[in-house]
């Protein structure tokens, strides 16, 4: 009754055979011109804010890093993006738009002056970069596993129902942080849809 054609929007992707070449494992990114690569970089910058090799490896159909890096360096020389060290604990070159750098600086000032902010993310959330920024701490990407961030720094994980703190926590704070880790925050519109207040 409900076939594939009713499942949503579909489009065909060019395959190696469609390009008239024998099938290989390499993707044919040499067909992208410089303008197309820069538009693709714009999409990545809009999606991630700060881009670097490790975060872009999460993208599907990614051009080789050398192709992106060449375009990123040209864009930096033109002044359209900025290069630097924006994400601590990650090696290699990092790039962001100038307005993103300004937002990061404001966030850093807020972090230093205000009480800490906590964010709890599912291990499968694309914004969960624990495995990338803490390579010695591997968390399986399962929907029941969670990570608690304090001002952007991972401080605790919920793994297979067990809370593990990644740094020393005072005994008085442990209960509150466990609650923050387990608590799921839904936007107001979604809460009304789910019937919770």
N, C-alpha and C. Protein backbone atom coordinates (compact mmCIF):
# COMPACT_ATOMS: atom_id res chain seq x y z
N UNK A 1 0.82 -1.19 0.00
CA UNK A 1 0.00 0.00 0.00
C UNK A 1 0.87 1.26 0.00
N UNK A 2 1.88 1.30 0.86
CA UNK A 2 2.79 2.45 0.90
C UNK A 2 4.14 2.00 0.36
N UNK A 3 4.45 2.41 -0.86
CA UNK A 3 5.71 2.02 -1.48
C UNK A 3 6.79 3.04 -1.24
N UNK A 4 7.93 2.79 -1.79
CA UNK A 4 9.08 3.68 -1.65
C UNK A 4 8.77 5.06 -2.21
N UNK A 5 7.98 5.12 -3.27
CA UNK A 5 7.67 6.41 -3.89
C UNK A 5 6.85 7.32 -2.98
N UNK A 6 6.21 6.77 -1.94
CA UNK A 6 5.43 7.56 -1.01
C UNK A 6 6.23 7.95 0.24
N UNK A 7 7.50 7.58 0.32
CA UNK A 7 8.27 7.75 1.54
C UNK A 7 8.85 9.14 1.72
N UNK A 8 8.79 9.99 0.73
CA UNK A 8 9.37 11.33 0.86
C UNK A 8 10.05 11.74 -0.42
N UNK A 9 10.90 12.73 -0.32
CA UNK A 9 11.60 13.23 -1.50
C UNK A 9 12.79 12.34 -1.83
N UNK A 10 12.94 12.05 -3.08
CA UNK A 10 14.03 11.20 -3.54
C UNK A 10 14.73 11.89 -4.71
N UNK A 11 16.00 11.66 -4.84
CA UNK A 11 16.71 12.12 -6.02
C UNK A 11 17.84 11.15 -6.31
N UNK A 12 18.20 11.05 -7.57
CA UNK A 12 19.26 10.14 -7.97
C UNK A 12 20.61 10.80 -7.79
N UNK A 13 21.57 10.03 -7.32
CA UNK A 13 22.94 10.51 -7.20
C UNK A 13 23.73 9.96 -8.37
N UNK A 14 24.66 10.77 -8.88
CA UNK A 14 25.51 10.28 -9.95
C UNK A 14 26.44 9.21 -9.40
N UNK A 15 26.52 8.11 -10.11
CA UNK A 15 27.44 7.05 -9.73
C UNK A 15 28.62 7.08 -10.67
N UNK A 16 29.61 6.27 -10.38
CA UNK A 16 30.78 6.21 -11.26
C UNK A 16 30.38 5.77 -12.66
N UNK A 17 29.41 4.84 -12.73
CA UNK A 17 28.98 4.37 -14.04
C UNK A 17 28.30 5.49 -14.82
N UNK A 18 27.54 6.35 -14.11
CA UNK A 18 26.86 7.46 -14.78
C UNK A 18 27.86 8.47 -15.32
N UNK A 19 29.03 8.55 -14.73
CA UNK A 19 30.06 9.45 -15.22
C UNK A 19 30.85 8.84 -16.37
N UNK A 20 30.50 7.59 -16.74
CA UNK A 20 31.17 6.92 -17.85
C UNK A 20 32.53 6.39 -17.48
N UNK A 21 32.74 6.13 -16.20
CA UNK A 21 34.03 5.62 -15.74
C UNK A 21 33.81 4.33 -14.98
N UNK A 22 34.81 3.49 -14.95
CA UNK A 22 34.66 2.26 -14.18
C UNK A 22 34.50 2.58 -12.70
N UNK A 23 33.81 1.70 -11.99
CA UNK A 23 33.53 1.91 -10.57
C UNK A 23 34.82 1.81 -9.77
N UNK A 24 35.04 2.80 -8.90
CA UNK A 24 36.17 2.78 -7.97
C UNK A 24 35.64 3.24 -6.62
N UNK A 25 36.44 3.05 -5.61
CA UNK A 25 36.03 3.51 -4.28
C UNK A 25 36.21 5.01 -4.11
N UNK A 26 37.04 5.64 -4.95
CA UNK A 26 37.27 7.08 -4.79
C UNK A 26 36.08 7.85 -5.33
N UNK A 27 35.79 8.96 -4.66
CA UNK A 27 34.71 9.84 -5.10
C UNK A 27 35.30 10.85 -6.06
N UNK A 28 34.57 11.26 -7.03
CA UNK A 28 35.07 12.11 -8.09
C UNK A 28 34.88 13.57 -7.74
N UNK A 29 35.68 14.06 -6.79
CA UNK A 29 35.55 15.45 -6.36
C UNK A 29 36.28 16.40 -7.28
N UNK A 30 37.03 15.88 -8.24
CA UNK A 30 37.70 16.78 -9.17
C UNK A 30 36.70 17.44 -10.10
N UNK A 31 35.45 16.98 -10.12
CA UNK A 31 34.44 17.62 -10.98
C UNK A 31 33.88 18.88 -10.33
N UNK A 32 34.14 19.11 -9.03
CA UNK A 32 33.70 20.33 -8.36
C UNK A 32 34.68 21.45 -8.68
N UNK A 33 34.14 22.59 -9.09
CA UNK A 33 35.03 23.73 -9.30
C UNK A 33 35.23 24.47 -7.98
N UNK A 34 36.08 25.48 -8.01
CA UNK A 34 36.44 26.21 -6.79
C UNK A 34 35.23 26.87 -6.14
N UNK A 35 34.34 27.41 -6.93
CA UNK A 35 33.15 28.08 -6.40
C UNK A 35 32.23 27.07 -5.69
N UNK A 36 32.09 25.88 -6.25
CA UNK A 36 31.25 24.86 -5.63
C UNK A 36 31.85 24.38 -4.30
N UNK A 37 33.16 24.24 -4.25
CA UNK A 37 33.82 23.83 -3.01
C UNK A 37 33.61 24.90 -1.94
N UNK A 38 33.71 26.18 -2.32
CA UNK A 38 33.50 27.27 -1.36
C UNK A 38 32.06 27.31 -0.87
N UNK A 39 31.11 27.01 -1.75
CA UNK A 39 29.71 26.94 -1.29
C UNK A 39 29.52 25.80 -0.32
N UNK A 40 30.16 24.68 -0.59
CA UNK A 40 30.10 23.53 0.32
C UNK A 40 30.71 23.88 1.67
N UNK A 41 31.82 24.61 1.66
CA UNK A 41 32.44 25.07 2.90
C UNK A 41 31.49 26.00 3.65
N UNK A 42 30.78 26.86 2.93
CA UNK A 42 29.78 27.74 3.56
C UNK A 42 28.70 26.95 4.27
N UNK A 43 28.28 25.85 3.67
CA UNK A 43 27.28 24.98 4.31
C UNK A 43 27.85 24.38 5.59
N UNK A 44 29.08 23.90 5.52
CA UNK A 44 29.71 23.31 6.70
C UNK A 44 29.88 24.35 7.81
N UNK A 45 30.28 25.57 7.44
CA UNK A 45 30.45 26.62 8.45
C UNK A 45 29.12 26.99 9.09
N UNK A 46 28.06 27.01 8.29
CA UNK A 46 26.73 27.31 8.85
C UNK A 46 26.28 26.19 9.78
N UNK A 47 26.58 24.96 9.42
CA UNK A 47 26.13 23.81 10.22
C UNK A 47 26.93 23.67 11.51
N UNK A 48 28.27 23.83 11.46
CA UNK A 48 29.12 23.53 12.60
C UNK A 48 29.65 24.76 13.31
N UNK A 49 29.70 25.91 12.67
CA UNK A 49 30.27 27.11 13.28
C UNK A 49 31.77 27.15 13.13
N UNK A 50 32.44 26.17 13.69
CA UNK A 50 33.90 26.01 13.55
C UNK A 50 34.12 24.68 12.84
N UNK A 51 34.94 24.71 11.81
CA UNK A 51 35.20 23.45 11.10
C UNK A 51 36.68 23.10 11.18
N UNK A 52 36.91 21.81 11.27
CA UNK A 52 38.25 21.23 11.27
C UNK A 52 38.09 19.79 10.79
N UNK A 53 39.20 19.16 10.53
CA UNK A 53 39.16 17.84 9.90
C UNK A 53 38.30 16.83 10.68
N UNK A 54 38.47 16.76 11.98
CA UNK A 54 37.74 15.78 12.78
C UNK A 54 36.23 15.94 12.71
N UNK A 55 35.74 17.18 12.74
CA UNK A 55 34.30 17.40 12.70
C UNK A 55 33.74 17.15 11.30
N UNK A 56 34.53 17.44 10.28
CA UNK A 56 34.03 17.24 8.92
C UNK A 56 34.00 15.76 8.53
N UNK A 57 34.73 14.93 9.24
CA UNK A 57 34.69 13.50 8.95
C UNK A 57 33.32 12.91 9.27
N UNK A 58 32.47 13.66 9.96
CA UNK A 58 31.10 13.21 10.26
C UNK A 58 30.16 13.44 9.08
N UNK A 59 30.60 14.19 8.09
CA UNK A 59 29.78 14.52 6.93
C UNK A 59 29.83 13.40 5.89
N UNK A 60 28.70 13.19 5.24
CA UNK A 60 28.65 12.23 4.13
C UNK A 60 29.13 12.91 2.85
N UNK A 61 29.69 12.13 1.96
CA UNK A 61 30.13 12.61 0.65
C UNK A 61 31.09 13.79 0.77
N UNK A 62 32.01 13.68 1.69
CA UNK A 62 32.97 14.75 1.97
C UNK A 62 34.10 14.72 0.94
N UNK A 63 34.42 15.88 0.36
CA UNK A 63 35.61 15.92 -0.50
C UNK A 63 36.85 15.65 0.33
N UNK A 64 37.95 15.28 -0.28
CA UNK A 64 39.18 15.05 0.50
C UNK A 64 39.58 16.31 1.26
N UNK A 65 40.17 16.12 2.44
CA UNK A 65 40.57 17.23 3.28
C UNK A 65 41.52 18.17 2.54
N UNK A 66 42.41 17.63 1.71
CA UNK A 66 43.37 18.48 0.99
C UNK A 66 42.66 19.46 0.07
N UNK A 67 41.55 19.04 -0.55
CA UNK A 67 40.77 19.93 -1.43
C UNK A 67 40.12 21.04 -0.61
N UNK A 68 39.52 20.66 0.52
CA UNK A 68 38.88 21.64 1.39
C UNK A 68 39.91 22.59 2.00
N UNK A 69 41.04 22.06 2.43
CA UNK A 69 42.06 22.88 3.07
C UNK A 69 42.62 23.94 2.13
N UNK A 70 42.80 23.56 0.89
CA UNK A 70 43.28 24.53 -0.12
C UNK A 70 42.30 25.68 -0.26
N UNK A 71 41.01 25.36 -0.36
CA UNK A 71 39.98 26.40 -0.49
C UNK A 71 39.86 27.21 0.81
N UNK A 72 39.95 26.55 1.96
CA UNK A 72 39.86 27.24 3.25
C UNK A 72 41.00 28.26 3.40
N UNK A 73 42.19 27.87 3.02
CA UNK A 73 43.33 28.79 3.12
C UNK A 73 43.16 30.00 2.20
N UNK A 74 42.62 29.77 0.99
CA UNK A 74 42.36 30.89 0.07
C UNK A 74 41.31 31.83 0.65
N UNK A 75 40.27 31.26 1.24
CA UNK A 75 39.22 32.08 1.85
C UNK A 75 39.76 32.87 3.04
N UNK A 76 40.69 32.27 3.78
CA UNK A 76 41.30 32.97 4.91
C UNK A 76 42.16 34.14 4.41
N UNK A 77 42.90 33.93 3.34
CA UNK A 77 43.72 35.01 2.78
C UNK A 77 42.86 36.17 2.27
N UNK A 78 41.67 35.86 1.76
CA UNK A 78 40.74 36.91 1.30
C UNK A 78 40.03 37.60 2.45
N UNK A 79 40.08 37.00 3.64
CA UNK A 79 39.45 37.61 4.82
C UNK A 79 38.00 37.22 5.01
N UNK A 80 37.50 36.25 4.26
CA UNK A 80 36.10 35.84 4.43
C UNK A 80 35.91 34.90 5.61
N UNK A 81 36.98 34.18 5.99
CA UNK A 81 36.92 33.33 7.18
C UNK A 81 38.20 33.57 7.98
N UNK A 82 38.20 33.04 9.22
CA UNK A 82 39.36 33.19 10.10
C UNK A 82 39.90 31.82 10.46
N UNK A 83 41.19 31.73 10.54
CA UNK A 83 41.84 30.51 11.00
C UNK A 83 42.35 30.73 12.41
N UNK A 84 42.44 29.66 13.19
CA UNK A 84 42.94 29.81 14.55
C UNK A 84 42.67 28.56 15.37
N UNK A 85 42.78 28.70 16.69
CA UNK A 85 42.49 27.62 17.63
C UNK A 85 41.23 28.00 18.40
N UNK A 86 40.11 27.46 18.00
CA UNK A 86 38.83 27.82 18.59
C UNK A 86 38.31 26.73 19.52
N UNK A 87 38.60 25.48 19.20
CA UNK A 87 38.14 24.35 20.00
C UNK A 87 39.35 23.72 20.66
N UNK A 88 39.38 23.76 22.00
CA UNK A 88 40.51 23.20 22.74
C UNK A 88 40.49 21.68 22.67
N UNK A 89 41.65 21.09 22.69
CA UNK A 89 41.75 19.63 22.71
C UNK A 89 41.70 18.99 21.35
N UNK A 90 41.65 19.79 20.30
CA UNK A 90 41.58 19.27 18.94
C UNK A 90 42.79 19.78 18.17
N UNK A 91 43.51 18.89 17.52
CA UNK A 91 44.67 19.28 16.75
C UNK A 91 44.31 19.67 15.34
N UNK A 92 45.24 20.29 14.67
CA UNK A 92 45.05 20.64 13.26
C UNK A 92 44.46 22.03 13.09
N UNK A 93 44.33 22.42 11.84
CA UNK A 93 43.83 23.75 11.51
C UNK A 93 42.32 23.83 11.72
N UNK A 94 41.86 24.99 12.22
CA UNK A 94 40.45 25.23 12.47
C UNK A 94 40.06 26.54 11.80
N UNK A 95 38.82 26.60 11.31
CA UNK A 95 38.36 27.78 10.60
C UNK A 95 36.94 28.14 11.03
N UNK A 96 36.65 29.44 11.03
CA UNK A 96 35.31 29.93 11.39
C UNK A 96 35.08 31.28 10.71
N UNK A 97 33.83 31.67 10.61
CA UNK A 97 33.50 33.00 10.11
C UNK A 97 33.83 34.03 11.18
N UNK A 98 34.14 35.28 10.79
CA UNK A 98 34.47 36.30 11.79
C UNK A 98 33.36 36.51 12.83
N UNK A 99 32.10 36.46 12.41
CA UNK A 99 30.99 36.65 13.36
C UNK A 99 30.90 35.49 14.35
N UNK A 100 31.30 34.29 13.93
CA UNK A 100 31.33 33.14 14.85
C UNK A 100 32.41 33.34 15.90
N UNK A 101 33.55 33.88 15.48
CA UNK A 101 34.64 34.14 16.42
C UNK A 101 34.19 35.15 17.47
N UNK A 102 33.43 36.18 17.05
CA UNK A 102 32.91 37.17 18.00
C UNK A 102 31.97 36.52 19.01
N UNK A 103 31.09 35.64 18.53
CA UNK A 103 30.16 34.95 19.42
C UNK A 103 30.92 34.06 20.41
N UNK A 104 31.96 33.38 19.94
CA UNK A 104 32.76 32.54 20.83
C UNK A 104 33.45 33.36 21.91
N UNK A 105 33.93 34.54 21.54
CA UNK A 105 34.57 35.41 22.54
C UNK A 105 33.56 35.88 23.59
N UNK A 106 32.35 36.25 23.14
CA UNK A 106 31.30 36.67 24.09
C UNK A 106 30.93 35.52 25.02
N UNK A 107 30.82 34.32 24.45
CA UNK A 107 30.48 33.15 25.25
C UNK A 107 31.55 32.90 26.30
N UNK A 108 32.83 33.05 25.92
CA UNK A 108 33.92 32.83 26.87
C UNK A 108 33.85 33.83 28.02
N UNK A 109 33.51 35.10 27.71
CA UNK A 109 33.37 36.10 28.76
C UNK A 109 32.22 35.76 29.70
N UNK A 110 31.09 35.29 29.12
CA UNK A 110 29.95 34.90 29.95
C UNK A 110 30.30 33.73 30.85
N UNK A 111 31.04 32.78 30.31
CA UNK A 111 31.44 31.60 31.08
C UNK A 111 32.29 32.01 32.27
N UNK A 112 33.20 32.96 32.05
CA UNK A 112 34.10 33.39 33.12
C UNK A 112 33.40 34.24 34.17
N UNK A 113 32.30 34.91 33.80
CA UNK A 113 31.68 35.83 34.74
C UNK A 113 30.41 35.27 35.41
N UNK A 114 29.71 34.36 34.80
CA UNK A 114 28.43 33.86 35.32
C UNK A 114 28.57 32.50 35.96
N UNK A 115 27.46 32.06 36.55
CA UNK A 115 27.42 30.70 37.08
C UNK A 115 27.46 29.72 35.91
N UNK A 116 27.90 28.51 36.13
CA UNK A 116 28.04 27.55 35.03
C UNK A 116 26.70 27.16 34.41
N UNK A 117 26.74 26.90 33.12
CA UNK A 117 25.57 26.40 32.39
C UNK A 117 25.81 24.95 32.04
N UNK A 118 24.76 24.16 32.18
CA UNK A 118 24.86 22.73 31.93
C UNK A 118 23.99 22.35 30.74
N UNK A 119 24.54 21.48 29.90
CA UNK A 119 23.84 20.98 28.72
C UNK A 119 23.97 19.46 28.71
N UNK A 120 22.83 18.79 28.62
CA UNK A 120 22.83 17.34 28.56
C UNK A 120 22.43 16.91 27.15
N UNK A 121 23.28 16.12 26.52
CA UNK A 121 23.03 15.68 25.14
C UNK A 121 23.02 14.16 25.07
N UNK A 122 22.22 13.66 24.16
CA UNK A 122 22.24 12.23 23.88
C UNK A 122 23.55 11.90 23.19
N UNK A 123 24.03 10.69 23.37
CA UNK A 123 25.28 10.27 22.73
C UNK A 123 25.14 10.21 21.22
N UNK A 124 23.90 10.11 20.70
CA UNK A 124 23.70 10.06 19.25
C UNK A 124 23.47 11.44 18.64
N UNK A 125 23.39 12.48 19.47
CA UNK A 125 23.19 13.84 18.96
C UNK A 125 24.42 14.25 18.16
N UNK A 126 24.23 14.81 16.95
CA UNK A 126 25.38 15.24 16.14
C UNK A 126 26.25 16.28 16.85
N UNK A 127 25.67 17.04 17.78
CA UNK A 127 26.44 18.05 18.51
C UNK A 127 27.29 17.46 19.62
N UNK A 128 27.11 16.19 19.90
CA UNK A 128 27.92 15.54 20.92
C UNK A 128 29.29 15.21 20.33
N UNK A 129 30.28 15.98 20.74
CA UNK A 129 31.63 15.80 20.21
C UNK A 129 32.57 15.18 21.24
N UNK A 130 32.03 14.47 22.22
CA UNK A 130 32.85 13.90 23.29
C UNK A 130 33.97 13.02 22.73
N UNK A 131 33.65 12.11 21.82
CA UNK A 131 34.66 11.20 21.28
C UNK A 131 35.73 11.94 20.49
N UNK A 132 35.39 13.14 20.02
CA UNK A 132 36.34 13.92 19.23
C UNK A 132 37.24 14.77 20.11
N UNK A 133 36.66 15.43 21.13
CA UNK A 133 37.47 16.32 21.96
C UNK A 133 38.11 15.61 23.15
N UNK A 134 37.62 14.42 23.47
CA UNK A 134 38.24 13.60 24.52
C UNK A 134 38.48 12.20 23.98
N UNK A 135 39.51 12.05 23.14
CA UNK A 135 39.72 10.75 22.49
C UNK A 135 40.00 9.60 23.45
N UNK A 136 40.46 9.92 24.67
CA UNK A 136 40.71 8.86 25.64
C UNK A 136 39.43 8.37 26.31
N UNK A 137 38.32 9.08 26.08
CA UNK A 137 37.02 8.68 26.66
C UNK A 137 36.06 8.35 25.53
N UNK A 138 35.85 7.08 25.28
CA UNK A 138 34.99 6.65 24.18
C UNK A 138 33.60 6.30 24.71
N UNK A 139 32.57 6.97 24.19
CA UNK A 139 31.19 6.71 24.59
C UNK A 139 30.45 6.14 23.40
N UNK A 140 29.86 4.97 23.58
CA UNK A 140 29.11 4.34 22.48
C UNK A 140 27.93 5.21 22.09
N UNK A 141 27.69 5.31 20.80
CA UNK A 141 26.60 6.13 20.28
C UNK A 141 25.28 5.35 20.36
N UNK A 142 24.74 5.31 21.58
CA UNK A 142 23.45 4.68 21.84
C UNK A 142 22.52 5.74 22.39
N UNK A 143 21.24 5.65 22.06
CA UNK A 143 20.29 6.70 22.44
C UNK A 143 20.13 6.85 23.95
N UNK A 144 20.37 5.81 24.73
CA UNK A 144 20.22 5.91 26.18
C UNK A 144 21.47 6.47 26.86
N UNK A 145 22.58 6.51 26.16
CA UNK A 145 23.80 7.11 26.72
C UNK A 145 23.72 8.61 26.56
N UNK A 146 24.24 9.35 27.55
CA UNK A 146 24.17 10.81 27.54
C UNK A 146 25.49 11.41 28.02
N UNK A 147 25.67 12.70 27.69
CA UNK A 147 26.85 13.45 28.12
C UNK A 147 26.38 14.75 28.75
N UNK A 148 26.99 15.14 29.85
CA UNK A 148 26.69 16.41 30.49
C UNK A 148 27.88 17.34 30.28
N UNK A 149 27.60 18.52 29.73
CA UNK A 149 28.61 19.54 29.48
C UNK A 149 28.42 20.68 30.45
N UNK A 150 29.53 21.17 31.00
CA UNK A 150 29.52 22.36 31.83
C UNK A 150 30.26 23.44 31.05
N UNK A 151 29.50 24.45 30.59
CA UNK A 151 30.08 25.52 29.77
C UNK A 151 30.87 24.97 28.59
N UNK A 152 30.35 23.91 27.97
CA UNK A 152 30.97 23.35 26.78
C UNK A 152 32.04 22.30 27.03
N UNK A 153 32.31 21.99 28.30
CA UNK A 153 33.33 21.00 28.64
C UNK A 153 32.63 19.77 29.21
N UNK A 154 32.89 18.57 28.65
CA UNK A 154 32.23 17.37 29.17
C UNK A 154 32.70 17.06 30.59
N UNK A 155 31.72 16.88 31.49
CA UNK A 155 32.08 16.60 32.89
C UNK A 155 31.52 15.27 33.40
N UNK A 156 30.49 14.72 32.71
CA UNK A 156 29.92 13.46 33.16
C UNK A 156 29.25 12.75 31.99
N UNK A 157 29.17 11.43 32.09
CA UNK A 157 28.47 10.64 31.09
C UNK A 157 27.52 9.67 31.79
N UNK A 158 26.46 9.36 31.10
CA UNK A 158 25.54 8.30 31.52
C UNK A 158 25.73 7.18 30.52
N UNK A 159 26.33 6.09 30.97
CA UNK A 159 26.65 4.99 30.07
C UNK A 159 26.06 3.71 30.62
N UNK A 160 25.14 3.11 29.88
CA UNK A 160 24.45 1.89 30.30
C UNK A 160 23.80 2.06 31.67
N UNK A 161 23.21 3.25 31.91
CA UNK A 161 22.50 3.52 33.15
C UNK A 161 23.38 3.90 34.32
N UNK A 162 24.70 3.97 34.13
CA UNK A 162 25.63 4.32 35.21
C UNK A 162 26.23 5.70 34.94
N UNK A 163 26.21 6.56 35.97
CA UNK A 163 26.78 7.90 35.85
C UNK A 163 28.26 7.84 36.18
N UNK A 164 29.08 8.37 35.27
CA UNK A 164 30.53 8.42 35.45
C UNK A 164 30.96 9.87 35.32
N UNK A 165 31.59 10.39 36.36
CA UNK A 165 32.09 11.77 36.32
C UNK A 165 33.48 11.79 35.69
N UNK A 166 33.71 12.75 34.82
CA UNK A 166 34.97 12.86 34.10
C UNK A 166 35.96 13.77 34.81
N UNK A 167 35.51 14.44 35.86
CA UNK A 167 36.40 15.27 36.68
C UNK A 167 35.94 15.18 38.13
N UNK A 168 36.77 15.67 39.04
CA UNK A 168 36.42 15.64 40.46
C UNK A 168 35.22 16.55 40.73
N UNK A 169 34.20 16.00 41.40
CA UNK A 169 32.97 16.71 41.72
C UNK A 169 32.77 16.65 43.23
N UNK A 170 32.37 17.78 43.81
CA UNK A 170 32.06 17.79 45.24
C UNK A 170 30.85 16.90 45.50
N UNK A 171 30.84 16.23 46.63
CA UNK A 171 29.76 15.31 46.98
C UNK A 171 28.40 16.01 47.00
N UNK A 172 28.37 17.28 47.41
CA UNK A 172 27.11 18.02 47.48
C UNK A 172 26.53 18.29 46.09
N UNK A 173 27.37 18.34 45.07
CA UNK A 173 26.92 18.63 43.70
C UNK A 173 26.52 17.39 42.92
N UNK A 174 26.99 16.23 43.33
CA UNK A 174 26.79 15.01 42.56
C UNK A 174 25.32 14.75 42.22
N UNK A 175 24.44 14.88 43.21
CA UNK A 175 23.02 14.60 42.99
C UNK A 175 22.42 15.54 41.95
N UNK A 176 22.71 16.85 42.09
CA UNK A 176 22.18 17.82 41.13
C UNK A 176 22.70 17.57 39.72
N UNK A 177 23.98 17.23 39.60
CA UNK A 177 24.56 16.97 38.28
C UNK A 177 24.00 15.69 37.67
N UNK A 178 23.74 14.69 38.51
CA UNK A 178 23.11 13.46 38.00
C UNK A 178 21.72 13.77 37.45
N UNK A 179 20.96 14.62 38.16
CA UNK A 179 19.64 15.01 37.69
C UNK A 179 19.72 15.79 36.37
N UNK A 180 20.72 16.70 36.28
CA UNK A 180 20.90 17.48 35.05
C UNK A 180 21.28 16.57 33.89
N UNK A 181 22.03 15.52 34.16
CA UNK A 181 22.45 14.59 33.13
C UNK A 181 21.29 13.76 32.61
N UNK A 182 20.44 13.33 33.52
CA UNK A 182 19.32 12.46 33.15
C UNK A 182 18.15 13.23 32.57
N UNK A 183 17.97 14.46 33.04
CA UNK A 183 16.82 15.27 32.62
C UNK A 183 16.90 15.57 31.12
N UNK A 184 15.78 15.38 30.45
CA UNK A 184 15.70 15.68 29.03
C UNK A 184 14.95 16.99 28.85
N UNK A 185 15.58 17.92 28.17
CA UNK A 185 14.96 19.22 27.94
C UNK A 185 14.30 19.24 26.57
N UNK A 186 13.03 19.58 26.55
CA UNK A 186 12.30 19.69 25.30
C UNK A 186 11.88 21.14 25.09
N UNK A 187 11.92 21.63 23.86
CA UNK A 187 11.42 22.98 23.59
C UNK A 187 9.95 23.09 23.98
N UNK A 188 9.50 24.33 24.27
CA UNK A 188 8.12 24.55 24.75
C UNK A 188 7.09 23.98 23.78
N UNK A 189 7.29 24.18 22.49
CA UNK A 189 6.31 23.68 21.51
C UNK A 189 6.23 22.16 21.54
N UNK A 190 7.38 21.50 21.71
CA UNK A 190 7.39 20.04 21.76
C UNK A 190 6.77 19.55 23.06
N UNK A 191 7.02 20.27 24.18
CA UNK A 191 6.40 19.88 25.46
C UNK A 191 4.88 19.93 25.36
N UNK A 192 4.33 20.97 24.72
CA UNK A 192 2.88 21.06 24.59
C UNK A 192 2.35 19.94 23.70
N UNK A 193 3.11 19.57 22.68
CA UNK A 193 2.69 18.48 21.80
C UNK A 193 2.69 17.15 22.55
N UNK A 194 3.73 16.96 23.41
CA UNK A 194 3.84 15.71 24.17
C UNK A 194 2.87 15.66 25.34
N UNK A 195 2.29 16.84 25.70
CA UNK A 195 1.34 16.89 26.80
C UNK A 195 2.01 17.03 28.15
N UNK A 196 3.29 17.48 28.15
CA UNK A 196 3.99 17.72 29.42
C UNK A 196 4.16 19.22 29.59
N UNK A 197 4.24 19.67 30.83
CA UNK A 197 4.35 21.11 31.08
C UNK A 197 5.61 21.43 31.82
